[in-house]
Amino acid sequence: MTESAVIKLKKGRDRTVRFHHPWIFSGAIASIEGKTQAGDIVRVVDSNGDFVGQGYYNPLSQIAVRLLEFDETAKIDAAWWDARIAESISRRRNIISPKTDSCRLIFGESDFLPGLVVDLYCSFLIVQFVTAGTERFKKEIVDSLTARLKVEGVFERADIPARKKEGLPQQSQLLFGKSPPSRMIIRENGLSYEVDLIGGQKTGWYFDQRDNRLAVADLAADSRVLDCFSYTGGFSITALSHGAVHSTLVESSGSFLDQAHCNLRLNHLPESSAELINADAFNYLRKLRDENRLFDLVILDPPKFAPSKSNLEKAINGYKDINLLGLKLVNPGGYLATFSCSGAVDWRLFRTAVGWAAADSNRKVQIIKQMHQAPDHPVLFSFPQSEYLKGFLCRVE
């Protein structure tokens, strides 16, 4: 590994970096002095040759450099990684409790560790090395994690599209100790959930919605709930545990619905309190609309509609359409909880899409709460891309 290469930026292309934005795109680079390979640490200078930062480089990625340090004297070695990892773990000390035993420990750029994701599931870690730089430092990262945390195993989930863009393989593997069980039980806000750490969405669970599940459930007493894109039932289980009388879960994956059924049993909720529907949410919402069905609380938590800005127009139309369908199914005086996890769709665009839906629904719609990702997914001011999860809790008349 060489640290001698110097990347010089084009004139005027250092402005965002001066505010500690961690990404440098390939189009901002004027020249590269010295030999470097994917994952190597490089020094970055502006067009005048003045130091900007240190980071790792990947010629295969559109994001050519991800900055790790803005201190020219810092040495990025095993001790550096260990210190950053220790800081990130320490930030979560108030999240883990007897009621919540699992969370995200490291959230990439937002924890000043670009390209690294680490999730704690009880006594197991699921790790994602998203970039060539973190792949290069894999040993140092795993050594630090296992030295600081008493875990039974560390498993790498490499089945993420971003690795392809970095020229990395998508082969998941055990890195330390023993493999996690195919299904295990975690605790969140005093409730129990079965998670699939090997084949489930993300790394097995959506930690980012932890606080929003509670916020929505606070309005669920005595209500009939429609939970679309329900995954394994997190919103429904929380709502039923807070007094909802019934929930209809709509999910296109039968295996996820099987886990939702298990989660009902785990939390001692009667099977009669939930209806599990294996269907496309858009089609099923239209069916409910045509049947004039109404619910007291409608939850819309769809997958990412806009993977990139090129998909924005299609995504905005998708958010408008599904929210229009959802609003038509809300009882007067009821609530709509609607979310977007598309990073390319900012708050303004998402609010515009929901606003169009409200106008076309001929309903009176009030936003009573904006919802965000949980604190273990912090938003970094200098990195607006870290604010990807957006939600509105609306009262519908």
Protein backbone atom coordinates (compact mmCIF):
# COMPACT_ATOMS: atom_id res chain seq x y z
CA MET A 1 0.00 0.00 0.00
CA THR A 2 1.38 3.38 -0.97
CA GLU A 3 0.61 6.74 0.62
CA SER A 4 2.74 8.78 -1.76
CA ALA A 5 0.24 9.49 -4.52
CA VAL A 6 -1.06 13.05 -4.70
CA ILE A 7 -4.36 13.97 -6.34
CA LYS A 8 -4.68 17.54 -7.52
CA LEU A 9 -8.15 19.03 -7.96
CA LYS A 10 -9.30 21.31 -10.73
CA LYS A 11 -9.62 24.99 -9.93
CA GLY A 12 -12.68 25.72 -7.82
CA ARG A 13 -13.47 22.05 -7.18
CA ASP A 14 -12.33 22.09 -3.54
CA ARG A 15 -15.19 24.21 -2.16
CA THR A 16 -17.40 21.41 -0.77
CA VAL A 17 -14.36 19.53 0.49
CA ARG A 18 -13.32 22.60 2.49
CA PHE A 19 -16.64 22.20 4.31
CA HIS A 20 -15.65 18.55 4.97
CA HIS A 21 -17.86 16.85 2.42
CA PRO A 22 -16.16 13.43 2.14
CA TRP A 23 -16.68 12.73 -1.59
CA ILE A 24 -14.54 13.77 -4.52
CA PHE A 25 -15.90 12.81 -7.92
CA SER A 26 -13.64 11.74 -10.76
CA GLY A 27 -14.57 14.82 -12.81
CA ALA A 28 -13.05 17.10 -10.15
CA ILE A 29 -9.55 15.60 -10.53
CA ALA A 30 -6.98 17.49 -12.58
CA SER A 31 -4.02 15.14 -12.18
CA ILE A 32 -2.57 12.24 -10.20
CA GLU A 33 1.09 12.25 -9.21
CA GLY A 34 2.51 8.85 -8.27
CA LYS A 35 1.26 5.29 -8.60
CA THR A 36 -1.89 4.22 -6.84
CA GLN A 37 -4.29 1.29 -6.83
CA ALA A 38 -7.89 0.90 -5.75
CA GLY A 39 -8.10 1.36 -1.98
CA ASP A 40 -4.78 3.14 -1.55
CA ILE A 41 -4.52 6.19 0.71
CA VAL A 42 -3.85 9.40 -1.22
CA ARG A 43 -3.20 13.04 -0.38
CA VAL A 44 -5.55 15.55 -2.00
CA VAL A 45 -4.45 19.09 -2.83
CA ASP A 46 -6.22 22.00 -4.47
CA SER A 47 -5.23 23.61 -7.76
CA ASN A 48 -2.56 25.64 -5.93
CA GLY A 49 -1.04 22.57 -4.31
CA ASP A 50 -2.43 23.33 -0.83
CA PHE A 51 -3.47 20.36 1.30
CA VAL A 52 -7.17 19.48 1.32
CA GLY A 53 -7.42 16.05 2.92
CA GLN A 54 -6.47 12.38 2.99
CA GLY A 55 -8.61 9.54 1.80
CA TYR A 56 -8.71 6.38 -0.23
CA TYR A 57 -8.83 6.28 -4.00
CA ASN A 58 -10.62 4.06 -6.49
CA PRO A 59 -10.12 4.68 -10.24
CA LEU A 60 -13.11 2.41 -11.00
CA SER A 61 -15.64 4.47 -9.05
CA GLN A 62 -17.37 7.70 -10.01
CA ILE A 63 -16.68 8.74 -6.41
CA ALA A 64 -12.92 8.60 -6.93
CA VAL A 65 -11.84 9.64 -3.44
CA ARG A 66 -13.57 9.29 -0.09
CA LEU A 67 -11.91 11.50 2.46
CA LEU A 68 -11.03 10.12 5.88
CA GLU A 69 -8.95 12.92 7.36
CA PHE A 70 -8.64 16.68 7.04
CA ASP A 71 -5.50 16.73 9.21
CA GLU A 72 -2.32 16.54 7.14
CA THR A 73 -0.32 15.09 10.03
CA ALA A 74 -2.68 12.18 10.75
CA LYS A 75 -1.46 8.68 9.90
CA ILE A 76 -4.20 6.39 8.65
CA ASP A 77 -3.20 3.03 10.07
CA ALA A 78 -4.64 0.34 12.36
CA ALA A 79 -4.58 2.68 15.37
CA TRP A 80 -6.47 5.33 13.39
CA TRP A 81 -9.22 2.88 12.42
CA ASP A 82 -9.44 1.60 15.99
CA ALA A 83 -9.88 5.10 17.40
CA ARG A 84 -12.63 5.98 14.91
CA ILE A 85 -14.44 2.71 15.53
CA ALA A 86 -14.26 3.23 19.30
CA GLU A 87 -15.80 6.69 18.91
CA SER A 88 -18.64 5.34 16.80
CA ILE A 89 -19.44 2.57 19.28
CA SER A 90 -19.40 5.08 22.13
CA ARG A 91 -22.03 7.23 20.37
CA ARG A 92 -24.50 4.34 20.64
CA ARG A 93 -24.06 3.78 24.38
CA ASN A 94 -27.51 5.26 25.13
CA ILE A 95 -29.33 3.17 22.51
CA ILE A 96 -28.53 -0.33 23.76
CA SER A 97 -30.66 -1.30 26.78
CA PRO A 98 -32.60 -4.27 28.15
CA LYS A 99 -35.45 -3.22 25.83
CA THR A 100 -33.29 -2.73 22.72
CA ASP A 101 -30.34 -5.08 22.23
CA SER A 102 -29.47 -4.34 18.58
CA CYS A 103 -28.66 -1.27 16.49
CA ARG A 104 -26.44 0.20 13.79
CA LEU A 105 -22.96 0.78 15.22
CA ILE A 106 -21.27 2.43 12.24
CA PHE A 107 -23.07 4.43 9.56
CA GLY A 108 -20.38 5.11 6.97
CA GLU A 109 -19.66 8.73 6.17
CA SER A 110 -21.90 9.98 8.99
CA ASP A 111 -19.56 8.31 11.48
CA PHE A 112 -16.49 9.60 9.62
CA LEU A 113 -15.81 6.09 8.26
CA PRO A 114 -16.81 6.27 4.59
CA GLY A 115 -17.88 3.00 3.05
CA LEU A 116 -18.24 1.05 6.31
CA VAL A 117 -21.51 -0.24 7.76
CA VAL A 118 -21.64 -2.29 10.97
CA ASP A 119 -24.81 -3.56 12.61
CA LEU A 120 -24.99 -5.21 16.02
CA TYR A 121 -27.51 -8.03 16.47
CA CYS A 122 -27.27 -9.11 20.09
CA SER A 123 -23.92 -10.91 20.07
CA PHE A 124 -23.28 -10.91 16.32
CA LEU A 125 -21.98 -8.25 13.96
CA ILE A 126 -23.06 -7.92 10.34
CA VAL A 127 -20.51 -5.87 8.40
CA GLN A 128 -20.62 -4.31 4.94
CA PHE A 129 -17.43 -3.12 3.25
CA VAL A 130 -19.01 -0.93 0.60
CA THR A 131 -15.84 0.45 -0.99
CA ALA A 132 -12.38 -0.61 -2.11
CA GLY A 133 -10.89 1.45 0.70
CA THR A 134 -12.72 -0.38 3.47
CA GLU A 135 -12.05 -3.67 1.69
CA ARG A 136 -8.32 -2.87 1.84
CA PHE A 137 -8.51 -2.23 5.60
CA LYS A 138 -10.81 -5.19 6.34
CA LYS A 139 -8.40 -6.93 8.72
CA GLU A 140 -7.75 -3.80 10.76
CA ILE A 141 -11.48 -3.10 11.02
CA VAL A 142 -12.42 -6.63 12.09
CA ASP A 143 -9.54 -6.76 14.59
CA SER A 144 -10.75 -3.53 16.18
CA LEU A 145 -14.38 -4.61 16.34
CA THR A 146 -13.62 -7.97 17.91
CA ALA A 147 -11.20 -6.45 20.41
CA ARG A 148 -13.75 -3.87 21.58
CA LEU A 149 -16.92 -5.94 21.49
CA LYS A 150 -17.59 -9.36 22.99
CA VAL A 151 -19.29 -10.94 20.01
CA GLU A 152 -19.77 -14.53 18.95
CA GLY A 153 -19.23 -13.86 15.29
CA VAL A 154 -18.64 -11.29 12.56
CA PHE A 155 -20.34 -11.99 9.23
CA GLU A 156 -19.84 -9.97 6.04
CA ARG A 157 -22.87 -9.20 3.88
CA ALA A 158 -21.32 -8.44 0.50
CA ASP A 159 -24.56 -8.74 -1.49
CA ILE A 160 -24.90 -5.01 -2.14
CA PRO A 161 -24.98 -3.34 -5.60
CA ALA A 162 -22.56 -0.59 -4.53
CA ARG A 163 -19.71 -3.11 -4.42
CA LYS A 164 -20.10 -3.76 -8.15
CA LYS A 165 -19.48 -0.09 -8.84
CA GLU A 166 -16.29 -0.38 -6.78
CA GLY A 167 -15.08 -3.41 -8.74
CA LEU A 168 -15.56 -5.71 -5.73
CA PRO A 169 -16.99 -9.24 -5.58
CA GLN A 170 -20.36 -9.94 -3.94
CA GLN A 171 -19.43 -13.00 -1.92
CA SER A 172 -20.64 -12.97 1.68
CA GLN A 173 -18.50 -14.74 4.27
CA LEU A 174 -17.73 -15.40 7.92
CA LEU A 175 -14.90 -13.18 9.16
CA PHE A 176 -14.67 -14.10 12.84
CA GLY A 177 -16.05 -16.67 15.28
CA LYS A 178 -19.17 -18.55 14.30
CA SER A 179 -21.86 -17.77 11.75
CA PRO A 180 -25.08 -16.27 13.07
CA PRO A 181 -28.09 -18.59 13.03
CA SER A 182 -30.27 -18.37 9.93
CA ARG A 183 -32.99 -16.89 12.15
CA MET A 184 -32.45 -15.19 15.49
CA ILE A 185 -34.49 -13.07 17.90
CA ILE A 186 -33.70 -9.43 18.69
CA ARG A 187 -35.38 -6.96 21.05
CA GLU A 188 -36.53 -3.49 20.04
CA ASN A 189 -38.48 -1.14 22.31
CA GLY A 190 -39.43 -4.10 24.48
CA LEU A 191 -40.76 -6.21 21.60
CA SER A 192 -39.26 -9.34 20.02
CA TYR A 193 -38.55 -9.86 16.33
CA GLU A 194 -37.19 -12.75 14.34
CA VAL A 195 -34.57 -11.54 11.86
CA ASP A 196 -32.77 -13.22 8.97
CA LEU A 197 -29.20 -11.91 9.05
CA ILE A 198 -28.09 -13.83 5.96
CA GLY A 199 -30.98 -13.38 3.53
CA GLY A 200 -33.08 -10.54 4.96
CA GLN A 201 -33.36 -7.00 3.61
CA LYS A 202 -30.45 -4.65 4.37
CA THR A 203 -28.56 -6.61 7.06
CA GLY A 204 -31.71 -8.26 8.36
CA TRP A 205 -33.67 -5.43 9.99
CA TYR A 206 -34.61 -1.78 9.46
CA PHE A 207 -33.07 -0.12 12.50
CA ASP A 208 -33.63 3.29 10.90
CA GLN A 209 -37.40 3.07 11.54
CA ARG A 210 -37.10 2.24 15.26
CA ASP A 211 -38.33 5.59 16.59
CA ASN A 212 -40.92 6.01 13.83
CA ARG A 213 -42.53 2.69 14.71
CA LEU A 214 -43.17 4.08 18.19
CA ALA A 215 -44.35 7.47 16.91
CA VAL A 216 -46.92 5.83 14.65
CA ALA A 217 -47.98 3.33 17.31
CA ASP A 218 -48.74 6.16 19.74
CA LEU A 219 -51.77 6.94 17.54
CA ALA A 220 -52.82 3.33 17.04
CA ALA A 221 -55.04 2.65 20.07
CA ASP A 222 -58.42 1.19 19.07
CA SER A 223 -57.56 1.58 15.38
CA ARG A 224 -57.71 -0.64 12.34
CA VAL A 225 -54.35 -0.49 10.56
CA LEU A 226 -53.29 -1.00 6.95
CA ASP A 227 -49.53 -1.65 6.79
CA CYS A 228 -48.20 -1.64 3.21
CA PHE A 229 -44.73 -2.93 2.29
CA SER A 230 -44.83 -4.42 5.76
CA TYR A 231 -41.62 -6.51 5.53
CA THR A 232 -41.69 -8.71 8.67
CA GLY A 233 -44.25 -6.63 10.55
CA GLY A 234 -42.32 -4.05 12.56
CA PHE A 235 -44.92 -1.28 12.27
CA SER A 236 -47.86 -3.65 12.75
CA ILE A 237 -46.41 -5.47 15.76
CA THR A 238 -45.67 -2.15 17.46
CA ALA A 239 -49.13 -0.78 16.66
CA LEU A 240 -50.92 -3.91 17.88
CA SER A 241 -48.85 -3.86 21.06
CA HIS A 242 -50.02 -0.27 21.61
CA GLY A 243 -53.70 -1.09 21.37
CA ALA A 244 -54.58 -1.36 17.67
CA VAL A 245 -57.48 -3.77 17.26
CA HIS A 246 -56.42 -5.18 13.87
CA SER A 247 -53.74 -4.78 11.22
CA THR A 248 -53.69 -5.80 7.57
CA LEU A 249 -50.11 -6.45 6.42
CA VAL A 250 -49.41 -6.24 2.68
CA GLU A 251 -46.09 -7.66 1.49
CA SER A 252 -44.99 -9.12 -1.86
CA SER A 253 -42.60 -11.64 -0.26
CA GLY A 254 -44.17 -14.75 1.23
CA SER A 255 -41.08 -15.52 3.30
CA PHE A 256 -41.21 -12.09 4.94
CA LEU A 257 -44.87 -12.65 5.78
CA ASP A 258 -43.92 -15.98 7.37
CA GLN A 259 -41.56 -14.06 9.64
CA ALA A 260 -44.31 -11.54 10.40
CA HIS A 261 -46.52 -14.44 11.46
CA CYS A 262 -43.72 -15.65 13.73
CA ASN A 263 -43.35 -12.15 15.18
CA LEU A 264 -47.04 -12.08 16.10
CA ARG A 265 -46.55 -15.26 18.10
CA LEU A 266 -43.32 -14.03 19.68
CA ASN A 267 -45.15 -11.02 21.10
CA HIS A 268 -48.20 -13.05 22.23
CA LEU A 269 -50.53 -11.29 19.81
CA PRO A 270 -53.56 -13.30 18.69
CA GLU A 271 -53.52 -14.45 15.07
CA SER A 272 -56.98 -12.96 14.66
CA SER A 273 -55.48 -9.48 15.22
CA ALA A 274 -53.73 -9.52 11.85
CA GLU A 275 -54.41 -10.41 8.23
CA LEU A 276 -51.34 -11.19 6.15
CA ILE A 277 -51.73 -10.43 2.44
CA ASN A 278 -49.14 -11.67 -0.06
CA ALA A 279 -49.65 -9.15 -2.87
CA ASP A 280 -48.24 -6.21 -4.79
CA ALA A 281 -49.05 -3.17 -2.66
CA PHE A 282 -50.10 -0.92 -5.57
CA ASN A 283 -52.53 -3.52 -6.89
CA TYR A 284 -53.92 -4.36 -3.46
CA LEU A 285 -54.47 -0.71 -2.59
CA ARG A 286 -56.50 -0.32 -5.78
CA LYS A 287 -58.54 -3.38 -4.80
CA LEU A 288 -59.25 -1.91 -1.36
CA ARG A 289 -60.21 1.41 -2.96
CA ASP A 290 -62.65 -0.31 -5.32
CA GLU A 291 -64.16 -2.17 -2.34
CA ASN A 292 -64.57 1.13 -0.42
CA ARG A 293 -62.54 -0.23 2.50
CA LEU A 294 -61.43 2.28 5.13
CA PHE A 295 -58.80 2.17 7.89
CA ASP A 296 -57.98 4.39 10.86
CA LEU A 297 -54.23 4.28 10.21
CA VAL A 298 -52.54 3.67 6.85
CA ILE A 299 -48.78 3.09 6.75
CA LEU A 300 -46.81 3.36 3.50
CA ASP A 301 -43.14 2.36 3.78
CA PRO A 302 -42.15 1.46 0.21
CA PRO A 303 -38.70 0.43 -1.03
CA LYS A 304 -36.43 2.94 -2.73
CA PHE A 305 -38.21 4.38 -5.78
CA ALA A 306 -35.22 6.47 -6.94
CA PRO A 307 -31.84 4.70 -6.78
CA SER A 308 -30.35 7.75 -8.57
CA LYS A 309 -31.35 11.17 -9.89
CA SER A 310 -32.05 9.65 -13.31
CA ASN A 311 -35.07 7.94 -11.73
CA LEU A 312 -36.48 11.07 -10.09
CA GLU A 313 -39.47 11.73 -12.34
CA LYS A 314 -40.65 8.13 -12.16
CA ALA A 315 -40.12 8.10 -8.39
CA ILE A 316 -42.10 11.30 -7.77
CA ASN A 317 -44.99 9.91 -9.80
CA GLY A 318 -44.78 6.68 -7.82
CA TYR A 319 -44.89 8.50 -4.48
CA LYS A 320 -47.80 10.62 -5.68
CA ASP A 321 -49.78 7.60 -6.89
CA ILE A 322 -49.30 5.44 -3.81
CA ASN A 323 -50.09 8.28 -1.42
CA LEU A 324 -53.24 9.12 -3.38
CA LEU A 325 -54.35 5.50 -3.02
CA GLY A 326 -53.45 5.52 0.67
CA LEU A 327 -55.31 8.75 1.42
CA LYS A 328 -58.50 7.41 -0.16
CA LEU A 329 -58.43 4.54 2.36
CA VAL A 330 -58.19 6.65 5.54
CA ASN A 331 -61.26 7.09 7.71
CA PRO A 332 -62.15 10.75 8.39
CA GLY A 333 -60.11 11.76 11.42
CA GLY A 334 -57.63 8.96 10.79
CA TYR A 335 -53.92 9.05 9.99
CA LEU A 336 -51.50 8.40 7.14
CA ALA A 337 -47.85 7.60 7.90
CA THR A 338 -45.86 7.82 4.68
CA PHE A 339 -42.14 7.40 4.03
CA SER A 340 -39.45 7.70 1.39
CA CYS A 341 -36.04 6.06 1.71
CA SER A 342 -34.84 7.38 -1.66
CA GLY A 343 -31.77 9.51 -1.02
CA ALA A 344 -32.22 11.25 -4.39
CA VAL A 345 -35.69 12.46 -3.31
CA ASP A 346 -35.19 15.34 -0.89
CA TRP A 347 -37.72 16.68 1.60
CA ARG A 348 -39.06 19.27 -0.84
CA LEU A 349 -39.72 16.74 -3.59
CA PHE A 350 -41.29 14.21 -1.25
CA ARG A 351 -43.52 16.86 0.30
CA THR A 352 -44.50 17.98 -3.21
CA ALA A 353 -45.48 14.43 -4.20
CA VAL A 354 -47.57 13.90 -1.06
CA GLY A 355 -49.08 17.37 -1.55
CA TRP A 356 -50.18 16.50 -5.08
CA ALA A 357 -51.77 13.33 -3.70
CA ALA A 358 -53.57 15.32 -1.00
CA ALA A 359 -54.93 17.77 -3.57
CA ASP A 360 -56.19 15.03 -5.88
CA SER A 361 -57.74 13.09 -2.98
CA ASN A 362 -60.11 15.96 -2.10
CA ARG A 363 -59.25 15.34 1.56
CA LYS A 364 -58.09 17.82 4.18
CA VAL A 365 -54.59 16.66 5.09
CA GLN A 366 -52.48 18.09 7.93
CA ILE A 367 -48.85 17.22 8.60
CA ILE A 368 -48.62 16.70 12.36
CA LYS A 369 -45.11 15.28 12.50
CA GLN A 370 -42.04 14.94 10.30
CA MET A 371 -40.19 11.69 10.85
CA HIS A 372 -36.51 10.91 10.35
CA GLN A 373 -34.07 8.05 10.58
CA ALA A 374 -33.21 6.86 14.10
CA PRO A 375 -30.20 8.31 16.00
CA ASP A 376 -27.97 5.37 15.13
CA HIS A 377 -28.24 6.68 11.54
CA PRO A 378 -27.03 10.24 12.23
CA VAL A 379 -27.22 12.96 9.60
CA LEU A 380 -23.93 14.76 9.01
CA PHE A 381 -24.34 18.47 8.19
CA SER A 382 -21.44 18.40 5.72
CA PHE A 383 -22.86 15.29 4.02
CA PRO A 384 -26.52 15.91 3.11
CA GLN A 385 -26.66 12.55 1.31
CA SER A 386 -26.77 10.93 4.76
CA GLU A 387 -30.34 12.19 5.25
CA TYR A 388 -32.12 9.57 3.19
CA LEU A 389 -35.18 8.59 5.28
CA LYS A 390 -38.07 11.04 5.27
CA GLY A 391 -41.58 10.63 6.62
CA PHE A 392 -44.78 12.52 7.27
CA LEU A 393 -47.39 11.63 9.85
CA CYS A 394 -50.63 13.19 8.60
CA ARG A 395 -54.14 13.66 9.97
CA VAL A 396 -56.76 13.13 7.29
CA GLU A 397 -60.28 14.65 7.43
